[in-house]
């Protein structure tokens, strides 16, 4: 298993397309460079805001290769290998390993309702079939199933399972997980709402989609926590988490479109296309987003 350390600020990267909804290799590479130069500690591609569910296998593998090649060893690359089936996730994970990813993160995509037993067996089988470190992905707003802290604690005992992205709105879930897992298990909040409580309880960093826009304040706060400067970190927390405001201008289905439009409003020269059936922001939503970006001081002046 690769001797990498999963910690710090790891953006959940958007997947950029051209106007015809095809992968835009140049734009994806430029986004990787932007994030790495901004001081992030890793890249997570093909997560929820990376629109993994709307890409075919070849496109997913191509995206991992673009990211791995562009990162060029500067930070760890975590590849999303989520699928409806365990076999599908295993195949994607093996392909990601062959391409050069450093770790995988996977969520069991539901069709039939999930149970903790299904979740446990899924990650256990994944750990038995692949060589890379594995991160659990808990996102109950999408799956309609919240993986229990007790199940995560059991999974944390499996050698290859090294961490968790906990995208929940209740910090008590993340705090309870931290009580049940080994100290070197990388628990990472996936929501700005739980960041402060999670870091104070021992989280190893954070994985946010909003980091695509501007990860620097978040990186600063994490480094302050890591150095033990808790009081200064608390004073910077509001700035580090303020981008959560952009995510409430429209529904959760609009998440990828919100992020891409916010990036463009911030001065990035990108196409904001998302993969159908995901919705594009309408004129009213775009105006709300523009107002939020201006309020936050992030609106690029033409």
Protein backbone atom coordinates (compact mmCIF):
# COMPACT_ATOMS: atom_id res chain seq x y z
CA UNK A 1 0.00 0.00 0.00
CA UNK A 2 1.28 3.46 -0.91
CA UNK A 3 2.94 5.24 2.07
CA UNK A 4 1.00 8.49 1.68
CA UNK A 5 -0.46 10.68 4.37
CA UNK A 6 -4.04 11.83 3.91
CA UNK A 7 -4.41 15.14 5.72
CA UNK A 8 -4.94 18.84 5.23
CA UNK A 9 -7.10 20.67 2.70
CA UNK A 10 -8.12 18.45 -0.20
CA UNK A 11 -10.54 20.08 -2.65
CA UNK A 12 -13.31 17.96 -4.15
CA UNK A 13 -12.53 19.06 -7.67
CA UNK A 14 -15.10 19.93 -10.31
CA UNK A 15 -14.88 18.22 -13.69
CA UNK A 16 -14.76 20.80 -16.47
CA UNK A 17 -16.41 20.34 -19.87
CA UNK A 18 -16.56 22.21 -23.15
CA UNK A 19 -19.82 23.58 -24.55
CA UNK A 20 -20.71 20.12 -25.92
CA UNK A 21 -20.36 18.51 -22.46
CA UNK A 22 -17.11 16.77 -23.42
CA UNK A 23 -14.14 16.65 -21.05
CA UNK A 24 -12.02 19.80 -21.34
CA UNK A 25 -8.52 18.46 -20.70
CA UNK A 26 -6.82 21.84 -20.79
CA UNK A 27 -9.29 23.39 -18.33
CA UNK A 28 -9.07 20.41 -15.95
CA UNK A 29 -5.28 20.67 -15.98
CA UNK A 30 -5.41 24.42 -15.34
CA UNK A 31 -7.71 23.85 -12.36
CA UNK A 32 -5.29 21.29 -10.93
CA UNK A 33 -2.45 23.81 -11.25
CA UNK A 34 -4.53 26.55 -9.63
CA UNK A 35 -5.34 24.36 -6.62
CA UNK A 36 -1.84 23.02 -6.10
CA UNK A 37 -0.31 26.50 -6.39
CA UNK A 38 -2.86 27.74 -3.86
CA UNK A 39 -1.34 25.42 -1.25
CA UNK A 40 -3.75 22.48 -1.05
CA UNK A 41 -2.60 19.17 0.42
CA UNK A 42 -4.20 16.85 -2.13
CA UNK A 43 -6.74 16.60 -4.94
CA UNK A 44 -9.94 14.54 -4.84
CA UNK A 45 -11.35 14.08 -8.33
CA UNK A 46 -14.62 12.42 -9.36
CA UNK A 47 -16.61 13.14 -6.26
CA UNK A 48 -20.19 14.38 -6.19
CA UNK A 49 -19.41 17.88 -7.51
CA UNK A 50 -17.05 16.18 -9.97
CA UNK A 51 -20.20 14.74 -11.59
CA UNK A 52 -18.85 11.19 -11.47
CA UNK A 53 -22.35 9.72 -11.75
CA UNK A 54 -22.75 11.22 -15.23
CA UNK A 55 -19.45 10.02 -16.73
CA UNK A 56 -18.83 6.67 -18.37
CA UNK A 57 -15.92 4.44 -17.37
CA UNK A 58 -13.58 5.70 -20.11
CA UNK A 59 -14.28 9.32 -19.16
CA UNK A 60 -13.67 8.61 -15.50
CA UNK A 61 -10.35 6.92 -16.26
CA UNK A 62 -9.35 9.77 -18.58
CA UNK A 63 -10.15 12.32 -15.85
CA UNK A 64 -7.98 10.47 -13.33
CA UNK A 65 -5.12 10.36 -15.85
CA UNK A 66 -5.40 14.09 -16.60
CA UNK A 67 -5.28 14.91 -12.89
CA UNK A 68 -2.47 12.46 -12.06
CA UNK A 69 -0.34 13.68 -14.97
CA UNK A 70 -0.90 17.35 -14.13
CA UNK A 71 -0.28 16.91 -10.40
CA UNK A 72 2.98 15.13 -11.26
CA UNK A 73 3.59 13.96 -7.70
CA UNK A 74 3.24 17.38 -6.07
CA UNK A 75 0.36 16.28 -3.81
CA UNK A 76 -1.57 13.00 -3.36
CA UNK A 77 -4.39 12.29 -5.80
CA UNK A 78 -7.52 10.60 -4.47
CA UNK A 79 -9.69 9.13 -7.21
CA UNK A 80 -13.41 8.72 -6.77
CA UNK A 81 -14.42 5.16 -7.65
CA UNK A 82 -18.04 5.16 -6.55
CA UNK A 83 -20.48 2.81 -8.27
CA UNK A 84 -23.82 1.04 -7.87
CA UNK A 85 -22.02 -2.30 -7.45
CA UNK A 86 -19.06 -3.56 -5.47
CA UNK A 87 -17.63 -5.13 -8.65
CA UNK A 88 -17.91 -1.80 -10.44
CA UNK A 89 -16.06 0.04 -7.68
CA UNK A 90 -13.35 -2.61 -7.57
CA UNK A 91 -12.80 -2.33 -11.33
CA UNK A 92 -12.64 1.46 -11.25
CA UNK A 93 -10.29 1.33 -8.24
CA UNK A 94 -7.89 -1.06 -9.98
CA UNK A 95 -7.90 1.17 -13.05
CA UNK A 96 -7.21 4.24 -10.90
CA UNK A 97 -4.29 2.40 -9.29
CA UNK A 98 -2.85 1.50 -12.70
CA UNK A 99 -3.16 5.12 -13.83
CA UNK A 100 -1.23 6.31 -10.77
CA UNK A 101 -3.74 7.54 -8.19
CA UNK A 102 -2.47 7.48 -4.60
CA UNK A 103 -5.76 6.51 -2.93
CA UNK A 104 -9.42 5.99 -3.73
CA UNK A 105 -12.60 7.28 -2.16
CA UNK A 106 -15.84 5.47 -2.79
CA UNK A 107 -19.49 5.81 -1.94
CA UNK A 108 -22.00 3.01 -2.50
CA UNK A 109 -24.51 4.60 -4.85
CA UNK A 110 -28.01 3.52 -3.79
CA UNK A 111 -30.81 2.07 -5.85
CA UNK A 112 -32.27 -0.33 -3.33
CA UNK A 113 -32.14 1.20 0.18
CA UNK A 114 -28.81 0.76 1.96
CA UNK A 115 -28.08 -0.90 5.30
CA UNK A 116 -25.01 -0.81 7.53
CA UNK A 117 -24.36 -4.46 6.65
CA UNK A 118 -24.32 -3.62 2.93
CA UNK A 119 -21.98 -0.70 3.60
CA UNK A 120 -19.61 -2.79 5.72
CA UNK A 121 -19.44 -5.61 3.19
CA UNK A 122 -18.89 -3.16 0.34
CA UNK A 123 -15.82 -1.52 1.87
CA UNK A 124 -14.47 -4.81 3.22
CA UNK A 125 -14.62 -6.42 -0.23
CA UNK A 126 -13.03 -3.34 -1.76
CA UNK A 127 -10.15 -3.60 0.72
CA UNK A 128 -9.63 -7.26 -0.16
CA UNK A 129 -9.37 -6.62 -3.90
CA UNK A 130 -7.26 -3.48 -4.30
CA UNK A 131 -3.90 -2.28 -3.04
CA UNK A 132 -4.52 1.45 -2.61
CA UNK A 133 -5.59 3.18 0.61
CA UNK A 134 -9.38 3.60 0.77
CA UNK A 135 -11.46 6.44 2.16
CA UNK A 136 -15.11 5.98 3.13
CA UNK A 137 -17.52 8.58 1.77
CA UNK A 138 -20.59 9.38 3.88
CA UNK A 139 -23.07 11.76 2.22
CA UNK A 140 -26.58 11.08 3.57
CA UNK A 141 -28.15 14.01 1.69
CA UNK A 142 -27.40 12.10 -1.53
CA UNK A 143 -27.68 8.45 -0.45
CA UNK A 144 -30.53 8.89 2.06
CA UNK A 145 -28.43 6.74 4.40
CA UNK A 146 -26.14 7.94 7.18
CA UNK A 147 -23.36 5.43 7.86
CA UNK A 148 -23.33 4.89 11.61
CA UNK A 149 -20.22 5.87 13.59
CA UNK A 150 -20.12 2.30 14.88
CA UNK A 151 -19.89 0.88 11.34
CA UNK A 152 -17.18 3.38 10.47
CA UNK A 153 -15.35 2.37 13.65
CA UNK A 154 -15.46 -1.30 12.57
CA UNK A 155 -14.24 -0.43 9.08
CA UNK A 156 -11.39 1.65 10.51
CA UNK A 157 -9.91 -1.55 11.90
CA UNK A 158 -9.30 -2.82 8.36
CA UNK A 159 -5.74 -2.00 7.39
CA UNK A 160 -6.33 -0.44 3.95
CA UNK A 161 -9.26 1.72 5.06
CA UNK A 162 -7.52 4.90 6.15
CA UNK A 163 -10.07 7.70 6.31
CA UNK A 164 -13.53 9.19 5.92
CA UNK A 165 -15.12 12.14 4.14
CA UNK A 166 -18.06 12.90 6.42
CA UNK A 167 -20.45 15.20 4.55
CA UNK A 168 -23.03 15.72 7.27
CA UNK A 169 -24.72 18.73 8.83
CA UNK A 170 -24.46 17.50 12.43
CA UNK A 171 -20.94 17.74 13.83
CA UNK A 172 -21.89 15.24 16.56
CA UNK A 173 -21.74 12.47 13.96
CA UNK A 174 -18.15 13.35 13.05
CA UNK A 175 -17.17 13.81 16.68
CA UNK A 176 -18.58 10.40 17.57
CA UNK A 177 -16.63 8.84 14.69
CA UNK A 178 -13.45 10.44 16.03
CA UNK A 179 -14.10 8.78 19.39
CA UNK A 180 -14.30 5.34 17.76
CA UNK A 181 -11.44 5.33 15.24
CA UNK A 182 -7.65 5.15 15.71
CA UNK A 183 -5.83 8.48 16.00
CA UNK A 184 -4.14 8.04 12.61
CA UNK A 185 -7.47 7.48 10.82
CA UNK A 186 -8.09 10.54 8.62
CA UNK A 187 -11.53 11.90 9.46
CA UNK A 188 -12.31 14.85 7.16
CA UNK A 189 -15.49 16.94 7.31
CA UNK A 190 -17.19 17.53 3.96
CA UNK A 191 -19.28 20.50 5.10
CA UNK A 192 -18.16 23.94 6.21
CA UNK A 193 -20.89 23.84 8.85
CA UNK A 194 -19.03 21.18 10.84
CA UNK A 195 -15.46 22.36 10.19
CA UNK A 196 -14.61 24.10 13.46
CA UNK A 197 -16.11 21.44 15.73
CA UNK A 198 -14.48 18.67 13.67
CA UNK A 199 -11.00 20.23 13.74
CA UNK A 200 -11.25 20.86 17.48
CA UNK A 201 -12.21 17.21 17.98
CA UNK A 202 -9.24 15.94 15.99
CA UNK A 203 -10.17 15.91 12.29
CA UNK A 204 -7.18 15.73 9.94
CA UNK A 205 -8.36 18.42 7.52
CA UNK A 206 -11.31 19.01 5.21
CA UNK A 207 -12.62 18.07 1.76
CA UNK A 208 -14.86 20.80 0.33
CA UNK A 209 -16.20 21.49 -3.15
CA UNK A 210 -16.09 25.24 -2.43
CA UNK A 211 -12.28 25.02 -2.35
CA UNK A 212 -12.45 25.09 -6.16
CA UNK A 213 -13.17 28.82 -5.88
CA UNK A 214 -10.52 29.90 -3.37
CA UNK A 215 -8.83 27.41 -1.02
CA UNK A 216 -6.27 29.78 0.50
CA UNK A 217 -8.20 30.92 3.63
CA UNK A 218 -9.08 27.31 4.43
CA UNK A 219 -5.46 26.24 4.02
CA UNK A 220 -4.43 29.05 6.39
CA UNK A 221 -6.92 27.98 9.06
CA UNK A 222 -5.86 24.34 8.83
CA UNK A 223 -2.18 25.26 9.14
CA UNK A 224 -2.97 27.38 12.21
CA UNK A 225 -4.76 24.43 13.83
CA UNK A 226 -1.93 22.10 12.94
CA UNK A 227 0.63 24.46 14.50
CA UNK A 228 -1.45 24.72 17.68
CA UNK A 229 -2.45 28.36 17.18
CA UNK A 230 -6.10 27.71 18.02
CA UNK A 231 -7.10 31.24 18.97
CA UNK A 232 -5.87 32.75 15.73
CA UNK A 233 -7.48 29.87 13.80
CA UNK A 234 -10.84 30.70 15.38
CA UNK A 235 -10.56 34.33 14.33
CA UNK A 236 -9.97 33.23 10.73
CA UNK A 237 -12.71 30.59 10.71
CA UNK A 238 -15.46 32.81 9.30
CA UNK A 239 -13.32 33.77 6.31
CA UNK A 240 -12.39 30.13 5.73
CA UNK A 241 -16.00 28.95 5.72
CA UNK A 242 -17.72 31.91 4.08
CA UNK A 243 -17.97 30.20 0.70
CA UNK A 244 -20.77 28.04 2.07
CA UNK A 245 -22.96 31.04 1.22
CA UNK A 246 -22.63 30.38 -2.50
CA UNK A 247 -24.07 26.89 -2.12
CA UNK A 248 -27.44 28.10 -0.88
CA UNK A 249 -28.36 30.19 -3.93
CA UNK A 250 -30.00 27.09 -5.47
CA UNK A 251 -30.87 23.46 -4.71
CA UNK A 252 -28.34 20.68 -4.14
CA UNK A 253 -28.79 19.46 -7.74
CA UNK A 254 -27.31 22.77 -8.88
CA UNK A 255 -24.10 22.29 -6.86
CA UNK A 256 -21.74 21.71 -9.82
CA UNK A 257 -23.26 24.62 -11.75
CA UNK A 258 -22.98 26.91 -8.71
CA UNK A 259 -19.31 26.11 -8.27
CA UNK A 260 -18.40 26.51 -11.92
CA UNK A 261 -20.23 29.82 -12.21
CA UNK A 262 -18.63 31.05 -8.98
CA UNK A 263 -15.21 30.13 -10.37
CA UNK A 264 -15.98 32.09 -13.53
CA UNK A 265 -17.23 35.10 -11.55
CA UNK A 266 -13.96 34.90 -9.61
CA UNK A 267 -12.05 35.38 -12.85
CA UNK A 268 -11.41 31.83 -14.07
CA UNK A 269 -11.71 31.45 -17.84
CA UNK A 270 -13.80 28.28 -17.95
CA UNK A 271 -16.92 26.90 -19.58
CA UNK A 272 -19.60 26.42 -16.90
CA UNK A 273 -21.36 23.52 -18.65
CA UNK A 274 -22.58 20.64 -16.49
CA UNK A 275 -23.56 17.16 -17.62
CA UNK A 276 -27.22 16.56 -18.37
CA UNK A 277 -29.53 15.87 -16.56
CA UNK A 278 -27.96 18.24 -14.02
CA UNK A 279 -29.49 21.73 -14.26
CA UNK A 280 -27.69 24.92 -15.24
CA UNK A 281 -28.33 27.98 -13.08
CA UNK A 282 -31.10 30.19 -14.42
CA UNK A 283 -30.85 33.99 -14.73
CA UNK A 284 -32.33 34.65 -11.28
CA UNK A 285 -30.00 32.17 -9.59
CA UNK A 286 -26.99 33.61 -11.42
CA UNK A 287 -27.88 37.07 -10.19
CA UNK A 288 -28.13 35.78 -6.61
CA UNK A 289 -24.74 34.12 -7.00
CA UNK A 290 -23.21 37.30 -8.40
CA UNK A 291 -24.55 39.25 -5.40
CA UNK A 292 -23.07 36.72 -2.94
CA UNK A 293 -19.68 36.77 -4.69
CA UNK A 294 -19.68 40.58 -4.61
CA UNK A 295 -20.60 40.57 -0.91
CA UNK A 296 -17.73 38.18 -0.20
CA UNK A 297 -15.29 40.34 -2.16
CA UNK A 298 -14.68 37.56 -4.66
CA UNK A 299 -16.28 39.07 -7.75
CA UNK A 300 -13.63 39.54 -10.41
CA UNK A 301 -13.51 43.10 -11.69
CA UNK A 302 -13.60 43.14 -15.50
